[in-house]
Amino acid sequence: MSRKASSMDADLQKVFGKPIRVLSEAVVDHDASPALARALELRSFLALTEEQVARVRDRVHADMDPDRDMGELSADKLRFDAQWLEAALDARDGYRAALGELLRTMPPPDQRARPVRTTQMRATATLPPSAAPAPPRDGAARAPRP
């Protein structure tokens, strides 16, 4: 799991009630719910994508520094950085949306702690003889099956 912070760490801590470090340790120790494991996986993708956004932003800022030599400025390089930034921002928005949806649709913590018990219903009634299929008669043509 990513050690870098993400923009949704506070939301994760609020929903799961523990610091990110503790939540990450639970996943590593295989003591985590599938929802927590998925949430932290999305969080690690988000943190990586946010780091990419920051790198491109910082590179563009450095290229546009007023003290920089104007001869070093490249429209092609800036266009490429703009495309890279757009892709990184789209990915970040997608991961934020997916993680937000996961956190919104999770059951409340008190419901997650209890195991779900289900009972299987059994039919105990017998069918009347008229409901049973009649045995085929000799020489009777069989109806084609669909």
N, C-alpha and C. Protein backbone atom coordinates (compact mmCIF):
# COMPACT_ATOMS: atom_id res chain seq x y z
N MET A 1 0.83 -1.18 0.00
CA MET A 1 0.00 0.00 0.00
C MET A 1 0.88 1.25 0.00
N SER A 2 0.38 2.29 -0.59
CA SER A 2 1.15 3.52 -0.72
C SER A 2 1.33 4.20 0.64
N ARG A 3 2.55 4.63 0.90
CA ARG A 3 2.85 5.37 2.13
C ARG A 3 2.58 6.86 1.96
N LYS A 4 2.41 7.30 0.71
CA LYS A 4 2.15 8.71 0.45
C LYS A 4 0.71 9.04 0.83
N ALA A 5 0.51 10.26 1.24
CA ALA A 5 -0.83 10.72 1.60
C ALA A 5 -1.67 10.89 0.34
N SER A 6 -2.98 10.77 0.50
CA SER A 6 -3.89 11.04 -0.60
C SER A 6 -4.92 12.07 -0.12
N SER A 7 -5.63 12.65 -1.07
CA SER A 7 -6.61 13.67 -0.73
C SER A 7 -7.85 13.09 -0.04
N MET A 8 -7.96 11.77 0.02
CA MET A 8 -9.14 11.16 0.66
C MET A 8 -8.80 10.42 1.95
N ASP A 9 -7.60 10.64 2.48
CA ASP A 9 -7.21 9.95 3.71
C ASP A 9 -8.15 10.27 4.88
N ALA A 10 -8.54 11.52 5.00
CA ALA A 10 -9.44 11.90 6.10
C ALA A 10 -10.78 11.17 5.98
N ASP A 11 -11.28 11.02 4.76
CA ASP A 11 -12.54 10.29 4.55
C ASP A 11 -12.40 8.83 4.95
N LEU A 12 -11.29 8.22 4.58
CA LEU A 12 -11.06 6.81 4.94
C LEU A 12 -10.97 6.64 6.45
N GLN A 13 -10.25 7.54 7.09
CA GLN A 13 -10.11 7.46 8.55
C GLN A 13 -11.46 7.66 9.23
N LYS A 14 -12.27 8.53 8.70
CA LYS A 14 -13.59 8.78 9.28
C LYS A 14 -14.48 7.55 9.15
N VAL A 15 -14.49 6.93 7.98
CA VAL A 15 -15.36 5.77 7.74
C VAL A 15 -14.89 4.55 8.53
N PHE A 16 -13.57 4.29 8.52
CA PHE A 16 -13.07 3.08 9.16
C PHE A 16 -12.64 3.29 10.61
N GLY A 17 -12.57 4.55 11.05
CA GLY A 17 -12.32 4.85 12.46
C GLY A 17 -10.91 4.62 12.95
N LYS A 18 -9.95 4.50 12.05
CA LYS A 18 -8.56 4.27 12.45
C LYS A 18 -7.64 5.03 11.51
N PRO A 19 -6.42 5.34 11.97
CA PRO A 19 -5.45 6.00 11.08
C PRO A 19 -5.09 5.11 9.90
N ILE A 20 -4.69 5.72 8.81
CA ILE A 20 -4.34 4.99 7.58
C ILE A 20 -3.25 3.95 7.86
N ARG A 21 -2.29 4.29 8.68
CA ARG A 21 -1.20 3.36 9.01
C ARG A 21 -1.75 2.06 9.60
N VAL A 22 -2.69 2.18 10.53
CA VAL A 22 -3.30 1.01 11.17
C VAL A 22 -4.14 0.22 10.17
N LEU A 23 -4.88 0.93 9.34
CA LEU A 23 -5.70 0.26 8.32
C LEU A 23 -4.81 -0.51 7.34
N SER A 24 -3.70 0.10 6.95
CA SER A 24 -2.77 -0.56 6.03
C SER A 24 -2.16 -1.81 6.65
N GLU A 25 -1.84 -1.74 7.93
CA GLU A 25 -1.28 -2.91 8.62
C GLU A 25 -2.30 -4.05 8.66
N ALA A 26 -3.57 -3.73 8.83
CA ALA A 26 -4.61 -4.76 8.86
C ALA A 26 -4.69 -5.47 7.51
N VAL A 27 -4.54 -4.71 6.42
CA VAL A 27 -4.58 -5.32 5.10
C VAL A 27 -3.36 -6.22 4.89
N VAL A 28 -2.20 -5.75 5.29
CA VAL A 28 -0.97 -6.55 5.15
C VAL A 28 -1.07 -7.84 5.96
N ASP A 29 -1.66 -7.77 7.14
CA ASP A 29 -1.80 -8.94 8.02
C ASP A 29 -3.00 -9.81 7.63
N HIS A 30 -3.70 -9.46 6.57
CA HIS A 30 -4.89 -10.19 6.10
C HIS A 30 -6.01 -10.20 7.13
N ASP A 31 -6.09 -9.15 7.96
CA ASP A 31 -7.15 -9.03 8.96
C ASP A 31 -8.17 -7.97 8.54
N ALA A 32 -8.27 -7.71 7.26
CA ALA A 32 -9.13 -6.63 6.79
C ALA A 32 -10.31 -7.18 6.00
N SER A 33 -11.39 -6.44 6.04
CA SER A 33 -12.56 -6.79 5.24
C SER A 33 -12.24 -6.55 3.77
N PRO A 34 -12.97 -7.21 2.88
CA PRO A 34 -12.76 -6.96 1.45
C PRO A 34 -12.97 -5.49 1.09
N ALA A 35 -13.93 -4.83 1.74
CA ALA A 35 -14.18 -3.42 1.46
C ALA A 35 -12.98 -2.56 1.84
N LEU A 36 -12.37 -2.84 2.99
CA LEU A 36 -11.18 -2.08 3.40
C LEU A 36 -10.03 -2.34 2.45
N ALA A 37 -9.83 -3.59 2.08
CA ALA A 37 -8.74 -3.91 1.14
C ALA A 37 -8.94 -3.17 -0.18
N ARG A 38 -10.17 -3.16 -0.69
CA ARG A 38 -10.44 -2.46 -1.95
C ARG A 38 -10.26 -0.95 -1.78
N ALA A 39 -10.73 -0.42 -0.67
CA ALA A 39 -10.61 1.02 -0.43
C ALA A 39 -9.14 1.44 -0.37
N LEU A 40 -8.31 0.65 0.29
CA LEU A 40 -6.90 1.01 0.39
C LEU A 40 -6.17 0.80 -0.94
N GLU A 41 -6.64 -0.14 -1.73
CA GLU A 41 -6.07 -0.32 -3.06
C GLU A 41 -6.37 0.91 -3.92
N LEU A 42 -7.62 1.34 -3.89
CA LEU A 42 -7.98 2.56 -4.63
C LEU A 42 -7.22 3.76 -4.11
N ARG A 43 -7.04 3.83 -2.79
CA ARG A 43 -6.29 4.93 -2.17
C ARG A 43 -4.85 4.96 -2.68
N SER A 44 -4.23 3.79 -2.82
CA SER A 44 -2.85 3.76 -3.29
C SER A 44 -2.77 4.23 -4.74
N PHE A 45 -3.75 3.85 -5.58
CA PHE A 45 -3.79 4.34 -6.96
C PHE A 45 -3.98 5.86 -6.97
N LEU A 46 -4.86 6.34 -6.11
CA LEU A 46 -5.12 7.78 -6.03
C LEU A 46 -3.87 8.53 -5.60
N ALA A 47 -3.17 8.04 -4.59
CA ALA A 47 -1.96 8.72 -4.11
C ALA A 47 -0.91 8.78 -5.21
N LEU A 48 -0.75 7.71 -5.96
CA LEU A 48 0.22 7.69 -7.06
C LEU A 48 -0.17 8.69 -8.14
N THR A 49 -1.45 8.71 -8.48
CA THR A 49 -1.93 9.63 -9.51
C THR A 49 -1.78 11.09 -9.06
N GLU A 50 -2.07 11.36 -7.79
CA GLU A 50 -1.90 12.73 -7.29
C GLU A 50 -0.43 13.14 -7.31
N GLU A 51 0.46 12.19 -7.08
CA GLU A 51 1.89 12.49 -7.19
C GLU A 51 2.26 12.83 -8.63
N GLN A 52 1.68 12.12 -9.60
CA GLN A 52 1.93 12.43 -11.01
C GLN A 52 1.42 13.83 -11.36
N VAL A 53 0.24 14.18 -10.88
CA VAL A 53 -0.31 15.51 -11.13
C VAL A 53 0.65 16.57 -10.58
N ALA A 54 1.14 16.36 -9.37
CA ALA A 54 2.05 17.32 -8.75
C ALA A 54 3.36 17.44 -9.53
N ARG A 55 3.87 16.33 -10.03
CA ARG A 55 5.13 16.37 -10.81
C ARG A 55 4.96 17.20 -12.08
N VAL A 56 3.87 16.96 -12.81
CA VAL A 56 3.64 17.72 -14.05
C VAL A 56 3.43 19.19 -13.72
N ARG A 57 2.63 19.47 -12.70
CA ARG A 57 2.40 20.86 -12.29
C ARG A 57 3.72 21.56 -11.97
N ASP A 58 4.57 20.89 -11.19
CA ASP A 58 5.85 21.48 -10.80
C ASP A 58 6.76 21.68 -12.01
N ARG A 59 6.72 20.73 -12.96
CA ARG A 59 7.54 20.86 -14.17
C ARG A 59 7.09 22.06 -15.00
N VAL A 60 5.76 22.22 -15.14
CA VAL A 60 5.23 23.36 -15.90
C VAL A 60 5.59 24.67 -15.20
N HIS A 61 5.45 24.70 -13.87
CA HIS A 61 5.82 25.91 -13.13
C HIS A 61 7.29 26.24 -13.33
N ALA A 62 8.15 25.23 -13.29
CA ALA A 62 9.59 25.47 -13.49
C ALA A 62 9.85 25.98 -14.90
N ASP A 63 9.18 25.41 -15.89
CA ASP A 63 9.36 25.85 -17.28
C ASP A 63 8.88 27.27 -17.49
N MET A 64 7.88 27.69 -16.72
CA MET A 64 7.29 29.02 -16.89
C MET A 64 7.86 30.05 -15.91
N ASP A 65 8.88 29.66 -15.19
CA ASP A 65 9.49 30.57 -14.21
C ASP A 65 9.93 31.87 -14.92
N PRO A 66 9.54 33.02 -14.37
CA PRO A 66 9.89 34.30 -15.02
C PRO A 66 11.40 34.53 -15.14
N ASP A 67 12.19 33.90 -14.29
CA ASP A 67 13.65 34.09 -14.35
C ASP A 67 14.31 33.15 -15.36
N ARG A 68 13.56 32.27 -15.94
CA ARG A 68 14.12 31.30 -16.88
C ARG A 68 14.33 31.95 -18.25
N ASP A 69 15.34 31.46 -18.97
CA ASP A 69 15.67 31.97 -20.30
C ASP A 69 14.53 31.66 -21.26
N MET A 70 14.02 32.66 -21.96
CA MET A 70 12.89 32.48 -22.89
C MET A 70 13.26 31.55 -24.04
N GLY A 71 14.54 31.43 -24.35
CA GLY A 71 14.98 30.55 -25.42
C GLY A 71 14.77 29.08 -25.09
N GLU A 72 14.63 28.76 -23.83
CA GLU A 72 14.42 27.37 -23.41
C GLU A 72 12.94 26.96 -23.47
N LEU A 73 12.06 27.93 -23.65
CA LEU A 73 10.63 27.66 -23.65
C LEU A 73 10.24 26.90 -24.93
N SER A 74 9.47 25.80 -24.78
CA SER A 74 9.09 24.97 -25.91
C SER A 74 7.58 24.75 -25.89
N ALA A 75 6.91 25.20 -26.96
CA ALA A 75 5.47 25.00 -27.07
C ALA A 75 5.14 23.51 -27.16
N ASP A 76 5.96 22.74 -27.87
CA ASP A 76 5.71 21.30 -27.98
C ASP A 76 5.80 20.63 -26.61
N LYS A 77 6.79 21.01 -25.83
CA LYS A 77 6.95 20.42 -24.50
C LYS A 77 5.75 20.80 -23.61
N LEU A 78 5.31 22.04 -23.69
CA LEU A 78 4.16 22.48 -22.90
C LEU A 78 2.88 21.78 -23.34
N ARG A 79 2.71 21.55 -24.65
CA ARG A 79 1.54 20.81 -25.14
C ARG A 79 1.55 19.38 -24.60
N PHE A 80 2.73 18.75 -24.64
CA PHE A 80 2.85 17.39 -24.12
C PHE A 80 2.53 17.37 -22.62
N ASP A 81 3.06 18.34 -21.87
CA ASP A 81 2.77 18.40 -20.44
C ASP A 81 1.29 18.64 -20.19
N ALA A 82 0.64 19.43 -21.02
CA ALA A 82 -0.80 19.67 -20.86
C ALA A 82 -1.58 18.38 -21.09
N GLN A 83 -1.17 17.58 -22.09
CA GLN A 83 -1.84 16.29 -22.33
C GLN A 83 -1.60 15.34 -21.16
N TRP A 84 -0.37 15.31 -20.68
CA TRP A 84 -0.03 14.44 -19.55
C TRP A 84 -0.83 14.85 -18.31
N LEU A 85 -0.91 16.16 -18.09
CA LEU A 85 -1.66 16.66 -16.94
C LEU A 85 -3.14 16.32 -17.06
N GLU A 86 -3.70 16.46 -18.24
CA GLU A 86 -5.11 16.13 -18.43
C GLU A 86 -5.36 14.65 -18.15
N ALA A 87 -4.48 13.78 -18.62
CA ALA A 87 -4.63 12.34 -18.38
C ALA A 87 -4.52 12.03 -16.88
N ALA A 88 -3.57 12.64 -16.21
CA ALA A 88 -3.38 12.40 -14.78
C ALA A 88 -4.58 12.94 -13.97
N LEU A 89 -5.10 14.09 -14.36
CA LEU A 89 -6.27 14.65 -13.67
C LEU A 89 -7.50 13.78 -13.89
N ASP A 90 -7.67 13.26 -15.11
CA ASP A 90 -8.80 12.36 -15.37
C ASP A 90 -8.70 11.10 -14.52
N ALA A 91 -7.49 10.54 -14.42
CA ALA A 91 -7.29 9.35 -13.59
C ALA A 91 -7.57 9.66 -12.13
N ARG A 92 -7.06 10.80 -11.66
CA ARG A 92 -7.30 11.19 -10.27
C ARG A 92 -8.79 11.32 -9.99
N ASP A 93 -9.51 11.97 -10.89
CA ASP A 93 -10.95 12.15 -10.70
C ASP A 93 -11.68 10.81 -10.70
N GLY A 94 -11.24 9.89 -11.55
CA GLY A 94 -11.84 8.56 -11.59
C GLY A 94 -11.61 7.79 -10.29
N TYR A 95 -10.39 7.83 -9.77
CA TYR A 95 -10.09 7.13 -8.52
C TYR A 95 -10.83 7.77 -7.34
N ARG A 96 -10.91 9.10 -7.33
CA ARG A 96 -11.66 9.77 -6.25
C ARG A 96 -13.14 9.38 -6.30
N ALA A 97 -13.70 9.33 -7.50
CA ALA A 97 -15.11 8.96 -7.65
C ALA A 97 -15.34 7.51 -7.21
N ALA A 98 -14.47 6.61 -7.63
CA ALA A 98 -14.63 5.19 -7.28
C ALA A 98 -14.49 4.98 -5.77
N LEU A 99 -13.51 5.64 -5.17
CA LEU A 99 -13.32 5.50 -3.73
C LEU A 99 -14.47 6.15 -2.96
N GLY A 100 -14.92 7.30 -3.41
CA GLY A 100 -16.06 7.96 -2.77
C GLY A 100 -17.31 7.10 -2.85
N GLU A 101 -17.55 6.48 -3.99
CA GLU A 101 -18.72 5.60 -4.16
C GLU A 101 -18.62 4.40 -3.24
N LEU A 102 -17.44 3.81 -3.15
CA LEU A 102 -17.24 2.67 -2.26
C LEU A 102 -17.53 3.06 -0.81
N LEU A 103 -17.03 4.20 -0.38
CA LEU A 103 -17.24 4.63 1.00
C LEU A 103 -18.70 4.97 1.27
N ARG A 104 -19.41 5.51 0.27
CA ARG A 104 -20.83 5.85 0.45
C ARG A 104 -21.72 4.62 0.50
N THR A 105 -21.36 3.57 -0.22
CA THR A 105 -22.24 2.41 -0.32
C THR A 105 -21.92 1.31 0.68
N MET A 106 -20.88 1.49 1.46
CA MET A 106 -20.55 0.47 2.47
C MET A 106 -21.59 0.47 3.57
N PRO A 107 -21.86 -0.69 4.15
CA PRO A 107 -22.79 -0.71 5.29
C PRO A 107 -22.16 -0.01 6.48
N PRO A 108 -22.97 0.48 7.42
CA PRO A 108 -22.43 1.13 8.60
C PRO A 108 -21.50 0.18 9.36
N PRO A 109 -20.52 0.73 10.10
CA PRO A 109 -19.55 -0.12 10.81
C PRO A 109 -20.19 -1.14 11.74
N ASP A 110 -21.28 -0.80 12.43
CA ASP A 110 -21.89 -1.76 13.35
C ASP A 110 -22.52 -2.93 12.61
N GLN A 111 -22.95 -2.73 11.37
CA GLN A 111 -23.51 -3.83 10.59
C GLN A 111 -22.41 -4.71 10.00
N ARG A 112 -21.23 -4.14 9.76
CA ARG A 112 -20.13 -4.91 9.20
C ARG A 112 -19.56 -5.88 10.20
N ALA A 113 -19.67 -5.58 11.48
CA ALA A 113 -19.05 -6.42 12.50
C ALA A 113 -19.80 -7.71 12.74
N ARG A 114 -21.11 -7.72 12.49
CA ARG A 114 -21.91 -8.92 12.76
C ARG A 114 -21.92 -9.83 11.55
N PRO A 115 -21.75 -11.15 11.78
CA PRO A 115 -21.87 -12.07 10.66
C PRO A 115 -23.33 -12.19 10.24
N VAL A 116 -23.53 -12.41 8.99
CA VAL A 116 -24.89 -12.55 8.47
C VAL A 116 -25.27 -14.02 8.53
N ARG A 117 -26.42 -14.30 9.12
CA ARG A 117 -26.91 -15.67 9.19
C ARG A 117 -28.08 -15.81 8.24
N THR A 118 -28.03 -16.84 7.48
CA THR A 118 -29.14 -17.11 6.57
C THR A 118 -29.63 -18.52 6.83
N THR A 119 -30.91 -18.72 6.62
CA THR A 119 -31.47 -20.07 6.74
C THR A 119 -32.02 -20.45 5.38
N GLN A 120 -31.89 -21.70 5.08
CA GLN A 120 -32.40 -22.17 3.81
C GLN A 120 -33.76 -22.80 4.04
N MET A 121 -34.72 -22.31 3.32
CA MET A 121 -36.07 -22.83 3.44
C MET A 121 -36.15 -24.17 2.72
N ARG A 122 -36.91 -25.11 3.30
CA ARG A 122 -37.09 -26.42 2.67
C ARG A 122 -38.57 -26.62 2.40
N ALA A 123 -38.84 -27.17 1.25
CA ALA A 123 -40.23 -27.49 0.90
C ALA A 123 -40.57 -28.83 1.52
N THR A 124 -41.67 -28.88 2.24
CA THR A 124 -42.07 -30.13 2.89
C THR A 124 -43.37 -30.68 2.32
N ALA A 125 -43.99 -29.95 1.42
CA ALA A 125 -45.26 -30.40 0.85
C ALA A 125 -45.00 -31.40 -0.27
N THR A 126 -45.94 -32.32 -0.45
CA THR A 126 -45.84 -33.27 -1.57
C THR A 126 -46.85 -32.87 -2.61
N LEU A 127 -46.53 -33.17 -3.85
CA LEU A 127 -47.43 -32.83 -4.94
C LEU A 127 -48.56 -33.86 -5.03
N PRO A 128 -49.76 -33.42 -5.37
CA PRO A 128 -50.84 -34.39 -5.58
C PRO A 128 -50.54 -35.24 -6.81
N PRO A 129 -51.10 -36.44 -6.88
CA PRO A 129 -50.80 -37.33 -8.01
C PRO A 129 -51.11 -36.72 -9.36
N SER A 130 -52.11 -35.84 -9.45
CA SER A 130 -52.46 -35.26 -10.74
C SER A 130 -51.36 -34.33 -11.26
N ALA A 131 -50.48 -33.86 -10.39
CA ALA A 131 -49.42 -32.95 -10.83
C ALA A 131 -48.22 -33.71 -11.37
N ALA A 132 -48.13 -35.01 -11.10
CA ALA A 132 -47.01 -35.80 -11.59
C ALA A 132 -47.22 -36.10 -13.06
N PRO A 133 -46.16 -36.14 -13.84
CA PRO A 133 -46.33 -36.43 -15.27
C PRO A 133 -46.76 -37.88 -15.48
N ALA A 134 -47.59 -38.10 -16.45
CA ALA A 134 -48.09 -39.45 -16.76
C ALA A 134 -46.99 -40.23 -17.46
N PRO A 135 -46.91 -41.53 -17.18
CA PRO A 135 -45.89 -42.34 -17.88
C PRO A 135 -46.23 -42.42 -19.36
N PRO A 136 -45.21 -42.48 -20.21
CA PRO A 136 -45.49 -42.55 -21.66
C PRO A 136 -46.17 -43.88 -22.01
N ARG A 137 -47.10 -43.82 -22.95
CA ARG A 137 -47.80 -45.02 -23.41
C ARG A 137 -47.06 -45.60 -24.60
N ASP A 138 -47.19 -46.93 -24.75
CA ASP A 138 -46.54 -47.58 -25.89
C ASP A 138 -47.11 -47.01 -27.18
N GLY A 139 -46.25 -46.74 -28.12
CA GLY A 139 -46.68 -46.25 -29.42
C GLY A 139 -47.03 -44.79 -29.46
N ALA A 140 -47.04 -44.10 -28.34
CA ALA A 140 -47.37 -42.66 -28.33
C ALA A 140 -46.16 -41.87 -28.81
N ALA A 141 -46.42 -40.92 -29.64
CA ALA A 141 -45.34 -40.06 -30.14
C ALA A 141 -44.95 -39.07 -29.05
N ARG A 142 -43.65 -38.88 -28.95
CA ARG A 142 -43.16 -37.90 -27.97
C ARG A 142 -43.19 -36.51 -28.57
N ALA A 143 -43.57 -35.57 -27.76
CA ALA A 143 -43.56 -34.17 -28.21
C ALA A 143 -42.12 -33.67 -28.23
N PRO A 144 -41.76 -32.93 -29.24
CA PRO A 144 -40.38 -32.41 -29.28
C PRO A 144 -40.15 -31.45 -28.11
N ARG A 145 -38.96 -31.54 -27.56
CA ARG A 145 -38.60 -30.64 -26.45
C ARG A 145 -38.08 -29.33 -26.99
N PRO A 146 -38.44 -28.24 -26.32
CA PRO A 146 -37.96 -26.94 -26.80
C PRO A 146 -36.49 -26.76 -26.54
